[in-house]
Amino acid sequence: MNASYAADLELARRCAAGEEPAWERFVLEYRPVLYRAADALDPTGGARDLADALYADLYSQSLFRYYQGRSSLATWLRAVLSQRYVDRLRAQKRLEPLPDDDRAAGGVEGRPGDPPDPDRSRYLTLLSQALARAVDRLDSRGRLRLGCYYVQELTLAEIGRLVGEHEATVSRQLARTRRALREDVERQLRVDHGLSDAQISECFAAASEDAGPLDLGQLLARKKSETDRSI
């Protein structure tokens, strides 16, 4: 540990221990740092969701334990964010469709591709239905936070003002809610539909390739519309 960063290391230790004042200080001081870093990576704002996700993971996955005080906390956070951005670009590159060899070579067009995976549609349907049921089981405050974040696209600070919570609390509650949704969905797939762990992984893999039916923002907006019509 570099003695110059002892204060940063102590803040990280206290945040990892779940101390509310430390987390509030962290959000106040380091959110602007990460947003500026995200905007430097992608001036269109496309990396800000990575910054928000990093906040959630710092809480829910105790990422602070990996900070050893060898650099400033701000430098370490920017490095973690940059690595996640690079990982995203690499993943997107891997998912880009390969060119059709026959078309590239001027061959016969219209050759049928590989047959579709017969389980893909079923997996997406099961996952979509399970997510809808999991959202229904959330308490009203949990659905409100999710709706504000994913449908109205409010910032954590704006949500905090709306629900009377500090933005650090909102961040932690959103992380808990997302984790609860994932656990509920996995339980449904395992218990109600008899899927194995491998099949559940295939469900989420299919969703990562076609997230349309599983867009949480669209799901919450649709449920709100259905509720409004029933009133």
Protein backbone atom coordinates (compact mmCIF):
# COMPACT_ATOMS: atom_id res chain seq x y z
CA MET A 1 0.00 0.00 0.00
CA ASN A 2 1.18 3.52 -0.81
CA ALA A 3 0.95 5.65 2.34
CA SER A 4 -0.31 8.54 0.20
CA TYR A 5 -3.53 6.66 -0.43
CA ALA A 6 -4.21 5.48 3.12
CA ALA A 7 -7.31 7.67 3.35
CA ASP A 8 -8.66 6.23 0.09
CA LEU A 9 -8.03 2.70 1.34
CA GLU A 10 -9.80 3.44 4.61
CA LEU A 11 -12.81 4.82 2.72
CA ALA A 12 -12.92 1.69 0.55
CA ARG A 13 -12.69 -0.51 3.66
CA ARG A 14 -15.57 1.31 5.34
CA CYS A 15 -17.70 1.13 2.19
CA ALA A 16 -17.02 -2.59 1.92
CA ALA A 17 -18.14 -2.92 5.52
CA GLY A 18 -21.44 -1.31 4.60
CA GLU A 19 -21.03 1.91 6.59
CA GLU A 20 -23.70 4.32 5.39
CA PRO A 21 -21.75 7.58 5.96
CA ALA A 22 -18.79 6.19 4.04
CA TRP A 23 -20.97 5.12 1.13
CA GLU A 24 -22.68 8.52 1.02
CA ARG A 25 -19.29 10.21 0.91
CA PHE A 26 -18.13 7.83 -1.81
CA VAL A 27 -21.15 8.54 -4.01
CA LEU A 28 -20.85 12.29 -3.49
CA GLU A 29 -17.14 12.46 -4.30
CA TYR A 30 -16.64 9.71 -6.87
CA ARG A 31 -19.82 9.64 -8.96
CA PRO A 32 -18.69 12.78 -10.86
CA VAL A 33 -15.26 11.17 -11.34
CA LEU A 34 -16.76 8.06 -12.94
CA TYR A 35 -19.22 10.01 -15.07
CA ARG A 36 -16.40 12.15 -16.43
CA ALA A 37 -14.39 9.00 -17.13
CA ALA A 38 -17.39 7.40 -18.85
CA ASP A 39 -17.91 10.47 -21.03
CA ALA A 40 -14.24 10.45 -21.96
CA LEU A 41 -14.58 6.83 -23.09
CA ASP A 42 -17.76 7.51 -25.06
CA PRO A 43 -18.73 11.16 -25.60
CA THR A 44 -22.23 10.07 -26.71
CA GLY A 45 -23.01 8.94 -23.14
CA GLY A 46 -22.98 5.27 -24.07
CA ALA A 47 -20.66 4.34 -21.21
CA ARG A 48 -22.66 5.94 -18.40
CA ASP A 49 -24.65 2.75 -17.86
CA LEU A 50 -21.33 1.03 -17.15
CA ALA A 51 -20.60 3.66 -14.51
CA ASP A 52 -23.98 3.07 -12.88
CA ALA A 53 -23.51 -0.69 -13.03
CA LEU A 54 -20.10 -0.33 -11.41
CA TYR A 55 -21.68 1.48 -8.47
CA ALA A 56 -24.14 -1.37 -8.03
CA ASP A 57 -21.39 -3.99 -8.22
CA LEU A 58 -19.20 -2.13 -5.75
CA TYR A 59 -21.99 -2.62 -3.26
CA SER A 60 -23.53 -5.96 -4.18
CA GLN A 61 -20.30 -7.81 -5.04
CA SER A 62 -17.96 -6.07 -2.58
CA LEU A 63 -15.54 -5.03 -5.33
CA PHE A 64 -13.89 -2.66 -2.89
CA ARG A 65 -11.91 -5.61 -1.51
CA TYR A 66 -9.83 -5.60 -4.69
CA TYR A 67 -8.60 -2.08 -4.06
CA GLN A 68 -5.18 -2.31 -2.40
CA GLY A 69 -4.23 1.35 -2.16
CA ARG A 70 -1.41 1.16 -4.72
CA SER A 71 -2.96 4.11 -6.60
CA SER A 72 -5.62 6.66 -5.78
CA LEU A 73 -9.16 5.38 -5.51
CA ALA A 74 -10.15 7.62 -8.44
CA THR A 75 -7.41 6.13 -10.63
CA TRP A 76 -8.42 2.59 -9.68
CA LEU A 77 -12.10 3.28 -10.44
CA ARG A 78 -11.24 4.75 -13.83
CA ALA A 79 -9.13 1.68 -14.60
CA VAL A 80 -11.95 -0.69 -13.66
CA LEU A 81 -14.42 1.29 -15.76
CA SER A 82 -12.04 1.36 -18.73
CA GLN A 83 -11.55 -2.41 -18.54
CA ARG A 84 -15.31 -2.97 -18.52
CA TYR A 85 -15.66 -0.70 -21.53
CA VAL A 86 -12.98 -2.64 -23.39
CA ASP A 87 -14.66 -5.92 -22.42
CA ARG A 88 -17.95 -4.63 -23.81
CA LEU A 89 -16.36 -3.65 -27.12
CA ARG A 90 -14.73 -7.07 -27.38
CA ALA A 91 -18.04 -8.80 -26.66
CA GLN A 92 -19.81 -6.71 -29.28
CA LYS A 93 -17.08 -7.56 -31.78
CA ARG A 94 -17.53 -11.28 -31.10
CA LEU A 95 -21.29 -10.99 -31.64
CA GLU A 96 -20.99 -9.25 -35.02
CA PRO A 97 -22.26 -11.59 -37.77
CA LEU A 98 -19.62 -13.06 -40.02
CA PRO A 99 -19.89 -12.23 -43.73
CA ASP A 100 -21.55 -14.81 -45.97
CA ASP A 101 -18.64 -16.52 -47.71
CA ASP A 102 -20.65 -17.26 -50.85
CA ARG A 103 -21.86 -13.67 -51.19
CA ALA A 104 -18.41 -12.28 -50.45
CA ALA A 105 -17.03 -14.49 -53.21
CA GLY A 106 -19.83 -13.64 -55.62
CA GLY A 107 -21.38 -17.12 -55.31
CA VAL A 108 -25.00 -18.21 -55.29
CA GLU A 109 -27.22 -16.09 -53.07
CA GLY A 110 -30.13 -17.32 -51.02
CA ARG A 111 -28.47 -20.39 -49.52
CA PRO A 112 -30.41 -21.32 -46.40
CA GLY A 113 -28.55 -20.77 -43.15
CA ASP A 114 -28.24 -23.13 -40.24
CA PRO A 115 -31.57 -24.34 -38.85
CA PRO A 116 -32.78 -22.30 -35.85
CA ASP A 117 -32.21 -23.71 -32.40
CA PRO A 118 -35.55 -25.35 -31.49
CA ASP A 119 -35.08 -24.49 -27.81
CA ARG A 120 -34.30 -20.81 -28.35
CA SER A 121 -37.88 -19.62 -28.69
CA ARG A 122 -38.98 -21.75 -25.73
CA TYR A 123 -36.16 -20.43 -23.54
CA LEU A 124 -36.99 -16.82 -24.38
CA THR A 125 -40.68 -17.40 -23.64
CA LEU A 126 -39.97 -19.08 -20.30
CA LEU A 127 -37.55 -16.35 -19.31
CA SER A 128 -39.93 -13.56 -20.31
CA GLN A 129 -42.81 -15.11 -18.36
CA ALA A 130 -40.62 -15.72 -15.31
CA LEU A 131 -39.36 -12.13 -15.34
CA ALA A 132 -42.91 -10.78 -15.56
CA ARG A 133 -43.96 -12.88 -12.56
CA ALA A 134 -40.87 -11.81 -10.62
CA VAL A 135 -41.64 -8.14 -11.26
CA ASP A 136 -45.23 -8.70 -10.10
CA ARG A 137 -43.91 -10.04 -6.80
CA LEU A 138 -41.82 -6.95 -6.04
CA ASP A 139 -43.13 -4.52 -3.48
CA SER A 140 -44.49 -1.21 -4.76
CA ARG A 141 -41.39 0.72 -3.73
CA GLY A 142 -39.12 -1.68 -5.57
CA ARG A 143 -41.20 -1.39 -8.74
CA LEU A 144 -41.22 2.41 -8.37
CA ARG A 145 -37.44 2.61 -8.24
CA LEU A 146 -37.09 0.30 -11.24
CA GLY A 147 -39.70 2.26 -13.20
CA CYS A 148 -38.00 5.56 -12.46
CA TYR A 149 -34.62 4.18 -13.49
CA TYR A 150 -35.49 2.08 -16.54
CA VAL A 151 -38.67 3.70 -17.88
CA GLN A 152 -38.32 7.36 -16.96
CA GLU A 153 -34.51 7.15 -17.07
CA LEU A 154 -34.11 9.33 -13.99
CA THR A 155 -30.73 9.64 -12.30
CA LEU A 156 -30.16 8.07 -8.89
CA ALA A 157 -30.23 11.54 -7.32
CA GLU A 158 -33.58 12.33 -8.98
CA ILE A 159 -35.04 9.03 -7.82
CA GLY A 160 -33.75 9.71 -4.32
CA ARG A 161 -35.52 13.05 -4.19
CA LEU A 162 -38.71 11.42 -5.45
CA VAL A 163 -38.77 8.57 -2.92
CA GLY A 164 -37.12 10.39 -0.04
CA GLU A 165 -33.86 8.41 -0.03
CA HIS A 166 -30.20 9.25 -0.46
CA GLU A 167 -28.91 8.32 -3.91
CA ALA A 168 -26.52 5.85 -2.29
CA THR A 169 -29.51 4.09 -0.76
CA VAL A 170 -31.30 4.11 -4.11
CA SER A 171 -28.23 2.55 -5.75
CA ARG A 172 -28.06 -0.22 -3.16
CA GLN A 173 -31.80 -0.88 -3.30
CA LEU A 174 -31.72 -1.13 -7.09
CA ALA A 175 -28.83 -3.60 -6.83
CA ARG A 176 -30.80 -5.66 -4.31
CA THR A 177 -33.91 -5.60 -6.48
CA ARG A 178 -32.03 -6.71 -9.59
CA ARG A 179 -30.42 -9.51 -7.60
CA ALA A 180 -33.83 -10.55 -6.21
CA LEU A 181 -35.30 -10.60 -9.73
CA ARG A 182 -32.46 -12.80 -10.98
CA GLU A 183 -32.85 -15.22 -8.07
CA ASP A 184 -36.63 -15.37 -8.50
CA VAL A 185 -36.33 -16.02 -12.24
CA GLU A 186 -33.72 -18.76 -11.73
CA ARG A 187 -35.88 -20.39 -9.04
CA GLN A 188 -38.90 -20.43 -11.34
CA LEU A 189 -36.93 -21.95 -14.18
CA ARG A 190 -35.43 -24.59 -11.91
CA VAL A 191 -38.46 -25.48 -9.75
CA ASP A 192 -41.48 -24.70 -11.92
CA HIS A 193 -40.05 -25.77 -15.28
CA GLY A 194 -37.46 -28.35 -14.24
CA LEU A 195 -34.53 -26.77 -16.06
CA SER A 196 -30.98 -27.73 -15.17
CA ASP A 197 -28.30 -25.17 -14.37
CA ALA A 198 -26.90 -25.64 -17.88
CA GLN A 199 -30.32 -25.00 -19.44
CA ILE A 200 -30.83 -21.92 -17.28
CA SER A 201 -27.49 -20.62 -18.53
CA GLU A 202 -28.68 -21.26 -22.09
CA CYS A 203 -31.82 -19.25 -21.33
CA PHE A 204 -29.78 -16.22 -20.33
CA ALA A 205 -27.41 -16.72 -23.24
CA ALA A 206 -30.37 -16.66 -25.64
CA ALA A 207 -31.61 -13.49 -23.97
CA SER A 208 -28.23 -11.81 -24.37
CA GLU A 209 -28.54 -12.32 -28.13
CA ASP A 210 -32.17 -11.20 -28.33
CA ALA A 211 -33.14 -9.06 -25.35
CA GLY A 212 -36.25 -7.65 -27.03
CA PRO A 213 -38.81 -9.70 -25.07
CA LEU A 214 -36.80 -9.20 -21.87
CA ASP A 215 -36.37 -5.42 -21.92
CA LEU A 216 -37.08 -4.51 -18.31
CA GLY A 217 -38.00 -0.95 -19.22
CA GLN A 218 -40.59 -2.11 -21.74
CA LEU A 219 -41.96 -4.67 -19.29
CA LEU A 220 -42.38 -2.09 -16.52
CA ALA A 221 -43.93 0.42 -18.92
CA ARG A 222 -46.39 -2.20 -20.16
CA LYS A 223 -47.38 -3.20 -16.65
CA LYS A 224 -47.89 0.43 -15.67
CA SER A 225 -50.13 0.90 -18.71
CA GLU A 226 -52.12 -2.19 -17.78
CA THR A 227 -52.51 -0.91 -14.22
CA ASP A 228 -53.63 2.52 -15.41
CA ARG A 229 -56.30 0.97 -17.65
CA SER A 230 -57.62 -1.13 -14.77
CA ILE A 231 -58.12 1.90 -12.53
